[in-house]
Amino acid sequence: MSAGRLARPSGVCIGSGAGRENTGREHWEGVVTQMSEKSVKPAQAGATPVKKEEGWWETVKVIIEALLIALVVRTLLFQPFNIPSGSLVPTLLVGDYLFVSKYAYGYSHFSLPGFLDLDPSAMPGRIFASQPKRGDIIVFKLPSDNQTDYIKRLIGMPGDKIQVVHGRLIINGEMAPREQIAPYPTVNHFGKPEEAPQYIETLPNGVKHRIIQIDDDEGTFDNTKVYDVPPGHYFMMGDNRDNSSDSRIPADQGGVGYVPFENLIGRGEIIFFSIREDTPAWEIWRWPWDVRWGRIFERVH
């Protein structure tokens, strides 16, 4: 009878004595079975760390994949650079950040990140080479050390004769036209504010760009010899003509000299961020006032 009472709550029918005994036994066996199953559940919790380990590994894989994609983009497509000096004022300002297209002129071993450029002799010259155009803004490795990144405007092509006379640019015996426009507010060699004469200069291929002459037309390098650009090399100048160390100064005198085609990194394309030169980019609380919003997404030309 006691078995029948226990079985009743479970909804088991009560029959004869034997049936009652069997039913009770089956019920208790069911209870024991259920208790055994419940006792196994804590062991199932042991599967949780495996899932956590799998989730951790998935996160690592995503990070590795993201780094590989970034490496490919940086090596083959675009690389960001920031402007630390005023040699290209007014075209590029200190505090500008721009993307440089790595594919514009093909690839040399200088296109690789430093930690991958372990054996330069294994990749001589350029692959998928394409000649730059006069007037391009170009990032290149300084020929004297092949390590420092410089950015200038391409003025002279291989075989050109370049000279500056009283501040006027002469290419292959022809003086580049220039048109004076409103003075440009800048700082002089001593860091004091002043307004510099500003011009729009036109190169032989029709490219127009702005230049400034802090020392007017009588600066240190406003009267030069004739430079014969060697084959496979280029002549670079800054748009801030009296405040630029460029191809007018030989490499053995601390300047740039002629730049080999192999040293070209890429062409300046677009400004993606710009902030006042006295404001670190990481001080985001100063962005509303110090970011040059009007320069963001401005094309470089």
C-alpha atoms as a PDB file:
ATOM      1  CA  MET A   1       0.000   0.000   0.000  1.00  0.00           C
ATOM      2  CA  SER A   2       2.821   2.313   0.746  1.00  0.00           C
ATOM      3  CA  ALA A   3       4.117   1.833  -2.819  1.00  0.00           C
ATOM      4  CA  GLY A   4       0.689   2.711  -4.170  1.00  0.00           C
ATOM      5  CA  ARG A   5       0.658   5.927  -2.165  1.00  0.00           C
ATOM      6  CA  LEU A   6       4.024   6.884  -3.531  1.00  0.00           C
ATOM      7  CA  ALA A   7       2.955   6.096  -7.026  1.00  0.00           C
ATOM      8  CA  ARG A   8      -0.248   8.087  -6.904  1.00  0.00           C
ATOM      9  CA  PRO A   9       1.294  11.534  -7.248  1.00  0.00           C
ATOM     10  CA  SER A  10       3.076  10.423 -10.404  1.00  0.00           C
ATOM     11  CA  GLY A  11      -0.251   9.512 -12.038  1.00  0.00           C
ATOM     12  CA  VAL A  12       0.410   5.723 -12.160  1.00  0.00           C
ATOM     13  CA  CYS A  13      -2.767   3.569 -12.065  1.00  0.00           C
ATOM     14  CA  ILE A  14      -3.215   1.372  -8.969  1.00  0.00           C
ATOM     15  CA  GLY A  15      -4.321  -2.172  -9.613  1.00  0.00           C
ATOM     16  CA  SER A  16      -4.002  -5.505  -7.734  1.00  0.00           C
ATOM     17  CA  GLY A  17      -1.395  -6.133  -5.090  1.00  0.00           C
ATOM     18  CA  ALA A  18       1.135  -7.494  -7.484  1.00  0.00           C
ATOM     19  CA  GLY A  19       0.490  -4.696  -9.817  1.00  0.00           C
ATOM     20  CA  ARG A  20       0.881  -2.267  -6.994  1.00  0.00           C
ATOM     21  CA  GLU A  21       4.231  -3.730  -6.021  1.00  0.00           C
ATOM     22  CA  ASN A  22       5.511  -3.686  -9.585  1.00  0.00           C
ATOM     23  CA  THR A  23       4.257  -0.196 -10.140  1.00  0.00           C
ATOM     24  CA  GLY A  24       5.962   1.032  -7.034  1.00  0.00           C
ATOM     25  CA  ARG A  25       9.188  -0.660  -7.946  1.00  0.00           C
ATOM     26  CA  GLU A  26       9.075   0.866 -11.423  1.00  0.00           C
ATOM     27  CA  HIS A  27       8.378   4.241  -9.921  1.00  0.00           C
ATOM     28  CA  TRP A  28      11.292   4.086  -7.530  1.00  0.00           C
ATOM     29  CA  GLU A  29      13.555   2.868 -10.297  1.00  0.00           C
ATOM     30  CA  GLY A  30      12.419   5.852 -12.312  1.00  0.00           C
ATOM     31  CA  VAL A  31      13.158   8.146  -9.400  1.00  0.00           C
ATOM     32  CA  VAL A  32      16.623   6.687  -8.978  1.00  0.00           C
ATOM     33  CA  THR A  33      17.229   7.048 -12.685  1.00  0.00           C
ATOM     34  CA  GLN A  34      16.171  10.659 -12.631  1.00  0.00           C
ATOM     35  CA  MET A  35      18.374  11.352  -9.621  1.00  0.00           C
ATOM     36  CA  SER A  36      21.278   9.695 -11.412  1.00  0.00           C
ATOM     37  CA  GLU A  37      20.725  11.867 -14.459  1.00  0.00           C
ATOM     38  CA  LYS A  38      20.585  14.982 -12.338  1.00  0.00           C
ATOM     39  CA  SER A  39      23.761  14.012 -10.588  1.00  0.00           C
ATOM     40  CA  VAL A  40      25.519  13.883 -13.966  1.00  0.00           C
ATOM     41  CA  LYS A  41      24.671  17.495 -14.876  1.00  0.00           C
ATOM     42  CA  PRO A  42      27.463  19.093 -12.824  1.00  0.00           C
ATOM     43  CA  ALA A  43      29.898  17.029 -14.890  1.00  0.00           C
ATOM     44  CA  GLN A  44      28.449  18.581 -18.017  1.00  0.00           C
ATOM     45  CA  ALA A  45      29.587  21.976 -16.730  1.00  0.00           C
ATOM     46  CA  GLY A  46      33.081  20.801 -17.521  1.00  0.00           C
ATOM     47  CA  ALA A  47      32.312  21.473 -21.200  1.00  0.00           C
ATOM     48  CA  THR A  48      32.080  25.226 -20.573  1.00  0.00           C
ATOM     49  CA  PRO A  49      35.875  25.876 -20.412  1.00  0.00           C
ATOM     50  CA  VAL A  50      36.214  24.113 -23.784  1.00  0.00           C
ATOM     51  CA  LYS A  51      33.729  26.539 -25.291  1.00  0.00           C
ATOM     52  CA  LYS A  52      35.528  29.441 -23.639  1.00  0.00           C
ATOM     53  CA  GLU A  53      38.850  28.226 -25.073  1.00  0.00           C
ATOM     54  CA  GLU A  54      37.276  27.952 -28.511  1.00  0.00           C
ATOM     55  CA  GLY A  55      35.904  31.507 -28.175  1.00  0.00           C
ATOM     56  CA  TRP A  56      39.337  32.800 -27.125  1.00  0.00           C
ATOM     57  CA  TRP A  57      40.980  31.134 -30.129  1.00  0.00           C
ATOM     58  CA  GLU A  58      38.376  32.604 -32.488  1.00  0.00           C
ATOM     59  CA  THR A  59      39.209  36.060 -31.141  1.00  0.00           C
ATOM     60  CA  VAL A  60      42.929  35.465 -31.724  1.00  0.00           C
ATOM     61  CA  LYS A  61      42.243  34.316 -35.290  1.00  0.00           C
ATOM     62  CA  VAL A  62      40.176  37.421 -36.021  1.00  0.00           C
ATOM     63  CA  ILE A  63      42.986  39.639 -34.706  1.00  0.00           C
ATOM     64  CA  ILE A  64      45.589  37.807 -36.812  1.00  0.00           C
ATOM     65  CA  GLU A  65      43.417  38.063 -39.916  1.00  0.00           C
ATOM     66  CA  ALA A  66      42.884  41.791 -39.303  1.00  0.00           C
ATOM     67  CA  LEU A  67      46.642  42.328 -38.939  1.00  0.00           C
ATOM     68  CA  LEU A  68      47.344  40.424 -42.162  1.00  0.00           C
ATOM     69  CA  ILE A  69      44.761  42.480 -44.051  1.00  0.00           C
ATOM     70  CA  ALA A  70      46.259  45.696 -42.657  1.00  0.00           C
ATOM     71  CA  LEU A  71      49.745  44.522 -43.707  1.00  0.00           C
ATOM     72  CA  VAL A  72      48.573  43.785 -47.250  1.00  0.00           C
ATOM     73  CA  VAL A  73      46.802  47.148 -47.518  1.00  0.00           C
ATOM     74  CA  ARG A  74      49.837  49.010 -46.161  1.00  0.00           C
ATOM     75  CA  THR A  75      52.265  47.175 -48.444  1.00  0.00           C
ATOM     76  CA  LEU A  76      50.293  47.093 -51.692  1.00  0.00           C
ATOM     77  CA  LEU A  77      47.625  49.815 -51.571  1.00  0.00           C
ATOM     78  CA  PHE A  78      47.814  52.750 -49.161  1.00  0.00           C
ATOM     79  CA  GLN A  79      50.111  53.865 -46.367  1.00  0.00           C
ATOM     80  CA  PRO A  80      49.407  56.753 -43.970  1.00  0.00           C
ATOM     81  CA  PHE A  81      52.012  59.470 -43.380  1.00  0.00           C
ATOM     82  CA  ASN A  82      52.022  62.630 -41.324  1.00  0.00           C
ATOM     83  CA  ILE A  83      53.731  65.910 -42.212  1.00  0.00           C
ATOM     84  CA  PRO A  84      56.366  66.947 -39.634  1.00  0.00           C
ATOM     85  CA  SER A  85      57.855  69.993 -41.422  1.00  0.00           C
ATOM     86  CA  GLY A  86      56.743  73.011 -43.430  1.00  0.00           C
ATOM     87  CA  SER A  87      58.727  72.383 -46.619  1.00  0.00           C
ATOM     88  CA  LEU A  88      55.547  71.891 -48.677  1.00  0.00           C
ATOM     89  CA  VAL A  89      53.573  74.821 -47.261  1.00  0.00           C
ATOM     90  CA  PRO A  90      51.060  75.941 -48.513  1.00  0.00           C
ATOM     91  CA  THR A  91      50.170  72.598 -50.152  1.00  0.00           C
ATOM     92  CA  LEU A  92      50.734  70.496 -47.026  1.00  0.00           C
ATOM     93  CA  LEU A  93      50.828  71.828 -43.472  1.00  0.00           C
ATOM     94  CA  VAL A  94      52.523  70.523 -40.359  1.00  0.00           C
ATOM     95  CA  GLY A  95      49.931  68.296 -38.691  1.00  0.00           C
ATOM     96  CA  ASP A  96      48.410  66.984 -41.927  1.00  0.00           C
ATOM     97  CA  TYR A  97      47.901  63.227 -42.198  1.00  0.00           C
ATOM     98  CA  LEU A  98      47.590  61.808 -45.702  1.00  0.00           C
ATOM     99  CA  PHE A  99      47.252  58.531 -47.545  1.00  0.00           C
ATOM    100  CA  VAL A 100      49.948  57.638 -50.073  1.00  0.00           C
ATOM    101  CA  SER A 101      49.128  55.210 -52.887  1.00  0.00           C
ATOM    102  CA  LYS A 102      51.779  52.477 -52.934  1.00  0.00           C
ATOM    103  CA  TYR A 103      50.666  51.105 -56.302  1.00  0.00           C
ATOM    104  CA  ALA A 104      51.068  54.411 -58.225  1.00  0.00           C
ATOM    105  CA  TYR A 105      54.637  53.740 -59.374  1.00  0.00           C
ATOM    106  CA  GLY A 106      54.898  49.986 -58.830  1.00  0.00           C
ATOM    107  CA  TYR A 107      56.852  48.355 -56.026  1.00  0.00           C
ATOM    108  CA  SER A 108      60.470  48.177 -54.920  1.00  0.00           C
ATOM    109  CA  HIS A 109      61.954  46.681 -51.787  1.00  0.00           C
ATOM    110  CA  PHE A 110      61.365  50.094 -50.170  1.00  0.00           C
ATOM    111  CA  SER A 111      57.628  49.393 -50.487  1.00  0.00           C
ATOM    112  CA  LEU A 112      57.946  46.681 -47.849  1.00  0.00           C
ATOM    113  CA  PRO A 113      57.682  47.432 -44.124  1.00  0.00           C
ATOM    114  CA  GLY A 114      61.110  47.669 -42.532  1.00  0.00           C
ATOM    115  CA  PHE A 115      60.844  44.342 -40.710  1.00  0.00           C
ATOM    116  CA  LEU A 116      60.229  42.574 -44.038  1.00  0.00           C
ATOM    117  CA  ASP A 117      62.900  44.422 -46.029  1.00  0.00           C
ATOM    118  CA  LEU A 118      65.664  42.127 -44.824  1.00  0.00           C
ATOM    119  CA  ASP A 119      67.427  41.454 -48.124  1.00  0.00           C
ATOM    120  CA  PRO A 120      67.160  44.434 -50.532  1.00  0.00           C
ATOM    121  CA  SER A 121      69.277  42.638 -53.136  1.00  0.00           C
ATOM    122  CA  ALA A 122      66.543  40.023 -53.479  1.00  0.00           C
ATOM    123  CA  MET A 123      64.208  42.629 -55.015  1.00  0.00           C
ATOM    124  CA  PRO A 124      66.228  44.981 -57.250  1.00  0.00           C
ATOM    125  CA  GLY A 125      64.524  47.716 -59.283  1.00  0.00           C
ATOM    126  CA  ARG A 126      60.717  47.911 -59.421  1.00  0.00           C
ATOM    127  CA  ILE A 127      57.923  45.552 -60.395  1.00  0.00           C
ATOM    128  CA  PHE A 128      54.736  46.767 -62.107  1.00  0.00           C
ATOM    129  CA  ALA A 129      56.670  50.011 -62.641  1.00  0.00           C
ATOM    130  CA  SER A 130      54.869  53.162 -63.789  1.00  0.00           C
ATOM    131  CA  GLN A 131      56.621  56.484 -64.360  1.00  0.00           C
ATOM    132  CA  PRO A 132      55.646  59.404 -62.097  1.00  0.00           C
ATOM    133  CA  LYS A 133      54.357  62.656 -63.564  1.00  0.00           C
ATOM    134  CA  ARG A 134      55.905  66.078 -63.165  1.00  0.00           C
ATOM    135  CA  GLY A 135      54.151  67.884 -60.327  1.00  0.00           C
ATOM    136  CA  ASP A 136      53.295  64.759 -58.299  1.00  0.00           C
ATOM    137  CA  ILE A 137      53.653  64.952 -54.528  1.00  0.00           C
ATOM    138  CA  ILE A 138      55.871  61.961 -53.750  1.00  0.00           C
ATOM    139  CA  VAL A 139      57.061  60.159 -50.626  1.00  0.00           C
ATOM    140  CA  PHE A 140      60.530  58.638 -51.078  1.00  0.00           C
ATOM    141  CA  LYS A 141      63.446  57.281 -49.107  1.00  0.00           C
ATOM    142  CA  LEU A 142      66.252  59.793 -48.641  1.00  0.00           C
ATOM    143  CA  PRO A 143      69.058  58.592 -50.960  1.00  0.00           C
ATOM    144  CA  SER A 144      71.830  59.360 -48.476  1.00  0.00           C
ATOM    145  CA  ASP A 145      70.587  56.819 -45.919  1.00  0.00           C
ATOM    146  CA  ASN A 146      67.774  54.893 -47.674  1.00  0.00           C
ATOM    147  CA  GLN A 147      65.811  54.999 -44.416  1.00  0.00           C
ATOM    148  CA  THR A 148      64.353  58.456 -43.802  1.00  0.00           C
ATOM    149  CA  ASP A 149      60.995  59.207 -45.430  1.00  0.00           C
ATOM    150  CA  TYR A 150      60.831  62.536 -47.308  1.00  0.00           C
ATOM    151  CA  ILE A 151      57.951  64.140 -49.173  1.00  0.00           C
ATOM    152  CA  LYS A 152      58.451  66.684 -51.975  1.00  0.00           C
ATOM    153  CA  ARG A 153      57.061  67.740 -55.344  1.00  0.00           C
ATOM    154  CA  LEU A 154      58.559  66.195 -58.478  1.00  0.00           C
ATOM    155  CA  ILE A 155      59.977  69.022 -60.621  1.00  0.00           C
ATOM    156  CA  GLY A 156      62.622  67.442 -62.852  1.00  0.00           C
ATOM    157  CA  MET A 157      62.337  64.262 -64.922  1.00  0.00           C
ATOM    158  CA  PRO A 158      65.280  62.103 -66.072  1.00  0.00           C
ATOM    159  CA  GLY A 159      67.345  64.035 -68.618  1.00  0.00           C
ATOM    160  CA  ASP A 160      65.946  67.456 -67.633  1.00  0.00           C
ATOM    161  CA  LYS A 161      68.074  70.524 -66.978  1.00  0.00           C
ATOM    162  CA  ILE A 162      66.837  72.383 -63.888  1.00  0.00           C
ATOM    163  CA  GLN A 163      67.942  75.776 -62.581  1.00  0.00           C
ATOM    164  CA  VAL A 164      66.631  78.514 -60.288  1.00  0.00           C
ATOM    165  CA  VAL A 165      67.488  82.141 -61.138  1.00  0.00           C
ATOM    166  CA  HIS A 166      66.287  84.942 -58.857  1.00  0.00           C
ATOM    167  CA  GLY A 167      63.636  82.630 -57.465  1.00  0.00           C
ATOM    168  CA  ARG A 168      62.291  81.664 -60.889  1.00  0.00           C
ATOM    169  CA  LEU A 169      62.193  78.006 -61.862  1.00  0.00           C
ATOM    170  CA  ILE A 170      63.773  77.199 -65.242  1.00  0.00           C
ATOM    171  CA  ILE A 171      63.178  73.796 -66.840  1.00  0.00           C
ATOM    172  CA  ASN A 172      65.126  72.915 -69.984  1.00  0.00           C
ATOM    173  CA  GLY A 173      65.844  76.579 -70.631  1.00  0.00           C
ATOM    174  CA  GLU A 174      62.193  77.671 -70.246  1.00  0.00           C
ATOM    175  CA  MET A 175      61.055  79.768 -67.295  1.00  0.00           C
ATOM    176  CA  ALA A 176      57.991  78.324 -65.569  1.00  0.00           C
ATOM    177  CA  PRO A 177      55.177  80.925 -65.571  1.00  0.00           C
ATOM    178  CA  ARG A 178      53.953  82.134 -62.209  1.00  0.00           C
ATOM    179  CA  GLU A 179      51.136  84.420 -61.104  1.00  0.00           C
ATOM    180  CA  GLN A 180      51.295  86.364 -57.857  1.00  0.00           C
ATOM    181  CA  ILE A 181      48.289  86.032 -55.556  1.00  0.00           C
ATOM    182  CA  ALA A 182      47.475  87.168 -52.007  1.00  0.00           C
ATOM    183  CA  PRO A 183      50.337  86.835 -49.487  1.00  0.00           C
ATOM    184  CA  TYR A 184      50.376  83.688 -47.373  1.00  0.00           C
ATOM    185  CA  PRO A 185      50.430  84.005 -43.552  1.00  0.00           C
ATOM    186  CA  THR A 186      53.265  81.863 -42.227  1.00  0.00           C
ATOM    187  CA  VAL A 187      56.358  82.098 -40.003  1.00  0.00           C
ATOM    188  CA  ASN A 188      59.878  83.101 -41.012  1.00  0.00           C
ATOM    189  CA  HIS A 189      63.138  81.297 -40.312  1.00  0.00           C
ATOM    190  CA  PHE A 190      63.054  82.590 -36.727  1.00  0.00           C
ATOM    191  CA  GLY A 191      59.520  81.391 -36.006  1.00  0.00           C
ATOM    192  CA  LYS A 192      57.973  84.853 -36.171  1.00  0.00           C
ATOM    193  CA  PRO A 193      54.671  85.366 -38.028  1.00  0.00           C
ATOM    194  CA  GLU A 194      54.858  87.122 -41.371  1.00  0.00           C
ATOM    195  CA  GLU A 195      53.149  87.226 -44.738  1.00  0.00           C
ATOM    196  CA  ALA A 196      55.156  85.600 -47.508  1.00  0.00           C
ATOM    197  CA  PRO A 197      54.800  86.351 -51.231  1.00  0.00           C
ATOM    198  CA  GLN A 198      52.655  83.632 -52.797  1.00  0.00           C
ATOM    199  CA  TYR A 199      52.426  82.522 -56.426  1.00  0.00           C
ATOM    200  CA  ILE A 200      50.680  80.000 -58.642  1.00  0.00           C
ATOM    201  CA  GLU A 201      53.384  78.267 -60.654  1.00  0.00           C
ATOM    202  CA  THR A 202      52.647  76.368 -63.869  1.00  0.00           C
ATOM    203  CA  LEU A 203      54.851  73.450 -64.878  1.00  0.00           C
ATOM    204  CA  PRO A 204      55.509  72.454 -68.524  1.00  0.00           C
ATOM    205  CA  ASN A 205      52.850  69.724 -68.423  1.00  0.00           C
ATOM    206  CA  GLY A 206      50.190  72.195 -67.248  1.00  0.00           C
ATOM    207  CA  VAL A 207      50.185  71.287 -63.552  1.00  0.00           C
ATOM    208  CA  LYS A 208      49.468  74.386 -61.437  1.00  0.00           C
ATOM    209  CA  HIS A 209      50.437  74.603 -57.789  1.00  0.00           C
ATOM    210  CA  ARG A 210      51.017  77.243 -55.148  1.00  0.00           C
ATOM    211  CA  ILE A 211      54.453  78.230 -53.856  1.00  0.00           C
ATOM    212  CA  ILE A 212      55.670  80.768 -51.302  1.00  0.00           C
ATOM    213  CA  GLN A 213      58.946  82.699 -51.130  1.00  0.00           C
ATOM    214  CA  ILE A 214      59.703  83.714 -47.552  1.00  0.00           C
ATOM    215  CA  ASP A 215      62.865  85.508 -48.667  1.00  0.00           C
ATOM    216  CA  ASP A 216      61.146  86.828 -51.784  1.00  0.00           C
ATOM    217  CA  ASP A 217      63.377  85.976 -54.766  1.00  0.00           C
ATOM    218  CA  GLU A 218      66.750  86.307 -53.056  1.00  0.00           C
ATOM    219  CA  GLY A 219      66.880  83.316 -50.726  1.00  0.00           C
ATOM    220  CA  THR A 220      69.903  81.078 -50.231  1.00  0.00           C
ATOM    221  CA  PHE A 221      68.873  78.671 -52.994  1.00  0.00           C
ATOM    222  CA  ASP A 222      67.076  81.124 -55.269  1.00  0.00           C
ATOM    223  CA  ASN A 223      70.120  81.245 -57.540  1.00  0.00           C
ATOM    224  CA  THR A 224      71.590  77.888 -58.468  1.00  0.00           C
ATOM    225  CA  LYS A 225      73.715  76.132 -61.033  1.00  0.00           C
ATOM    226  CA  VAL A 226      72.169  74.044 -63.800  1.00  0.00           C
ATOM    227  CA  TYR A 227      71.285  70.559 -62.567  1.00  0.00           C
ATOM    228  CA  ASP A 228      71.461  67.736 -65.141  1.00  0.00           C
ATOM    229  CA  VAL A 229      69.057  65.065 -63.896  1.00  0.00           C
ATOM    230  CA  PRO A 230      70.631  61.616 -64.503  1.00  0.00           C
ATOM    231  CA  PRO A 231      68.724  58.763 -66.166  1.00  0.00           C
ATOM    232  CA  GLY A 232      66.510  56.873 -63.724  1.00  0.00           C
ATOM    233  CA  HIS A 233      66.527  59.790 -61.239  1.00  0.00           C
ATOM    234  CA  TYR A 234      64.247  62.691 -60.334  1.00  0.00           C
ATOM    235  CA  PHE A 235      64.630  66.258 -59.092  1.00  0.00           C
ATOM    236  CA  MET A 236      62.469  67.164 -56.079  1.00  0.00           C
ATOM    237  CA  MET A 237      61.614  70.560 -54.598  1.00  0.00           C
ATOM    238  CA  GLY A 238      59.430  71.891 -51.809  1.00  0.00           C
ATOM    239  CA  ASP A 239      56.651  74.427 -52.395  1.00  0.00           C
ATOM    240  CA  ASN A 240      58.043  76.507 -49.525  1.00  0.00           C
ATOM    241  CA  ARG A 241      60.992  77.395 -51.722  1.00  0.00           C
ATOM    242  CA  ASP A 242      63.103  79.216 -49.125  1.00  0.00           C
ATOM    243  CA  ASN A 243      62.488  76.661 -46.373  1.00  0.00           C
ATOM    244  CA  SER A 244      63.061  73.309 -48.027  1.00  0.00           C
ATOM    245  CA  SER A 245      66.007  70.929 -48.071  1.00  0.00           C
ATOM    246  CA  ASP A 246      65.563  69.316 -51.471  1.00  0.00           C
ATOM    247  CA  SER A 247      67.361  68.331 -54.685  1.00  0.00           C
ATOM    248  CA  ARG A 248      68.960  71.772 -54.954  1.00  0.00           C
ATOM    249  CA  ILE A 249      71.273  70.639 -52.149  1.00  0.00           C
ATOM    250  CA  PRO A 250      73.521  67.649 -52.930  1.00  0.00           C
ATOM    251  CA  ALA A 251      73.184  64.576 -50.756  1.00  0.00           C
ATOM    252  CA  ASP A 252      76.802  64.850 -49.590  1.00  0.00           C
ATOM    253  CA  GLN A 253      76.004  68.333 -48.252  1.00  0.00           C
ATOM    254  CA  GLY A 254      73.049  67.201 -46.176  1.00  0.00           C
ATOM    255  CA  GLY A 255      70.400  67.671 -48.852  1.00  0.00           C
ATOM    256  CA  VAL A 256      68.352  65.340 -51.017  1.00  0.00           C
ATOM    257  CA  GLY A 257      70.201  65.366 -54.321  1.00  0.00           C
ATOM    258  CA  TYR A 258      68.835  63.319 -57.205  1.00  0.00           C
ATOM    259  CA  VAL A 259      66.301  60.660 -56.182  1.00  0.00           C
ATOM    260  CA  PRO A 260      66.536  57.195 -57.809  1.00  0.00           C
ATOM    261  CA  PHE A 261      63.338  55.682 -59.201  1.00  0.00           C
ATOM    262  CA  GLU A 262      63.849  52.735 -56.840  1.00  0.00           C
ATOM    263  CA  ASN A 263      63.519  55.032 -53.790  1.00  0.00           C
ATOM    264  CA  LEU A 264      59.984  56.188 -54.575  1.00  0.00           C
ATOM    265  CA  ILE A 265      57.410  54.958 -52.053  1.00  0.00           C
ATOM    266  CA  GLY A 266      54.187  56.374 -53.451  1.00  0.00           C
ATOM    267  CA  ARG A 267      52.079  59.362 -54.465  1.00  0.00           C
ATOM    268  CA  GLY A 268      50.245  61.611 -52.030  1.00  0.00           C
ATOM    269  CA  GLU A 269      46.503  61.254 -52.604  1.00  0.00           C
ATOM    270  CA  ILE A 270      44.232  62.654 -49.906  1.00  0.00           C
ATOM    271  CA  ILE A 271      44.388  64.299 -46.474  1.00  0.00           C
ATOM    272  CA  PHE A 272      42.389  62.183 -44.029  1.00  0.00           C
ATOM    273  CA  PHE A 273      43.133  64.193 -40.862  1.00  0.00           C
ATOM    274  CA  SER A 274      44.690  67.542 -39.997  1.00  0.00           C
ATOM    275  CA  ILE A 275      45.384  69.188 -36.658  1.00  0.00           C
ATOM    276  CA  ARG A 276      47.304  72.250 -35.503  1.00  0.00           C
ATOM    277  CA  GLU A 277      51.014  71.557 -35.288  1.00  0.00           C
ATOM    278  CA  ASP A 278      51.173  72.378 -31.567  1.00  0.00           C
ATOM    279  CA  THR A 279      48.420  69.882 -30.674  1.00  0.00           C
ATOM    280  CA  PRO A 280      49.190  66.155 -30.293  1.00  0.00           C
ATOM    281  CA  ALA A 281      46.685  64.078 -32.267  1.00  0.00           C
ATOM    282  CA  TRP A 282      45.928  61.900 -29.228  1.00  0.00           C
ATOM    283  CA  GLU A 283      44.513  64.841 -27.246  1.00  0.00           C
ATOM    284  CA  ILE A 284      41.002  64.230 -28.573  1.00  0.00           C
ATOM    285  CA  TRP A 285      39.418  66.675 -26.141  1.00  0.00           C
ATOM    286  CA  ARG A 286      41.084  69.475 -28.124  1.00  0.00           C
ATOM    287  CA  TRP A 287      39.831  68.280 -31.501  1.00  0.00           C
ATOM    288  CA  PRO A 288      36.735  70.501 -31.689  1.00  0.00           C
ATOM    289  CA  TRP A 289      38.939  73.602 -31.674  1.00  0.00           C
ATOM    290  CA  ASP A 290      42.295  72.409 -33.085  1.00  0.00           C
ATOM    291  CA  VAL A 291      41.339  70.021 -35.891  1.00  0.00           C
ATOM    292  CA  ARG A 292      41.441  71.694 -39.307  1.00  0.00           C
ATOM    293  CA  TRP A 293      38.070  70.323 -40.380  1.00  0.00           C
ATOM    294  CA  GLY A 294      38.162  72.059 -43.751  1.00  0.00           C
ATOM    295  CA  ARG A 295      41.281  70.145 -44.833  1.00  0.00           C
ATOM    296  CA  ILE A 296      39.907  66.658 -44.156  1.00  0.00           C
ATOM    297  CA  PHE A 297      39.339  64.685 -47.406  1.00  0.00           C
ATOM    298  CA  GLU A 298      41.110  67.375 -49.400  1.00  0.00           C
ATOM    299  CA  ARG A 299      42.934  66.023 -52.436  1.00  0.00           C
ATOM    300  CA  VAL A 300      46.710  66.465 -52.579  1.00  0.00           C
ATOM    301  CA  HIS A 301      47.883  68.199 -55.750  1.00  0.00           C
END
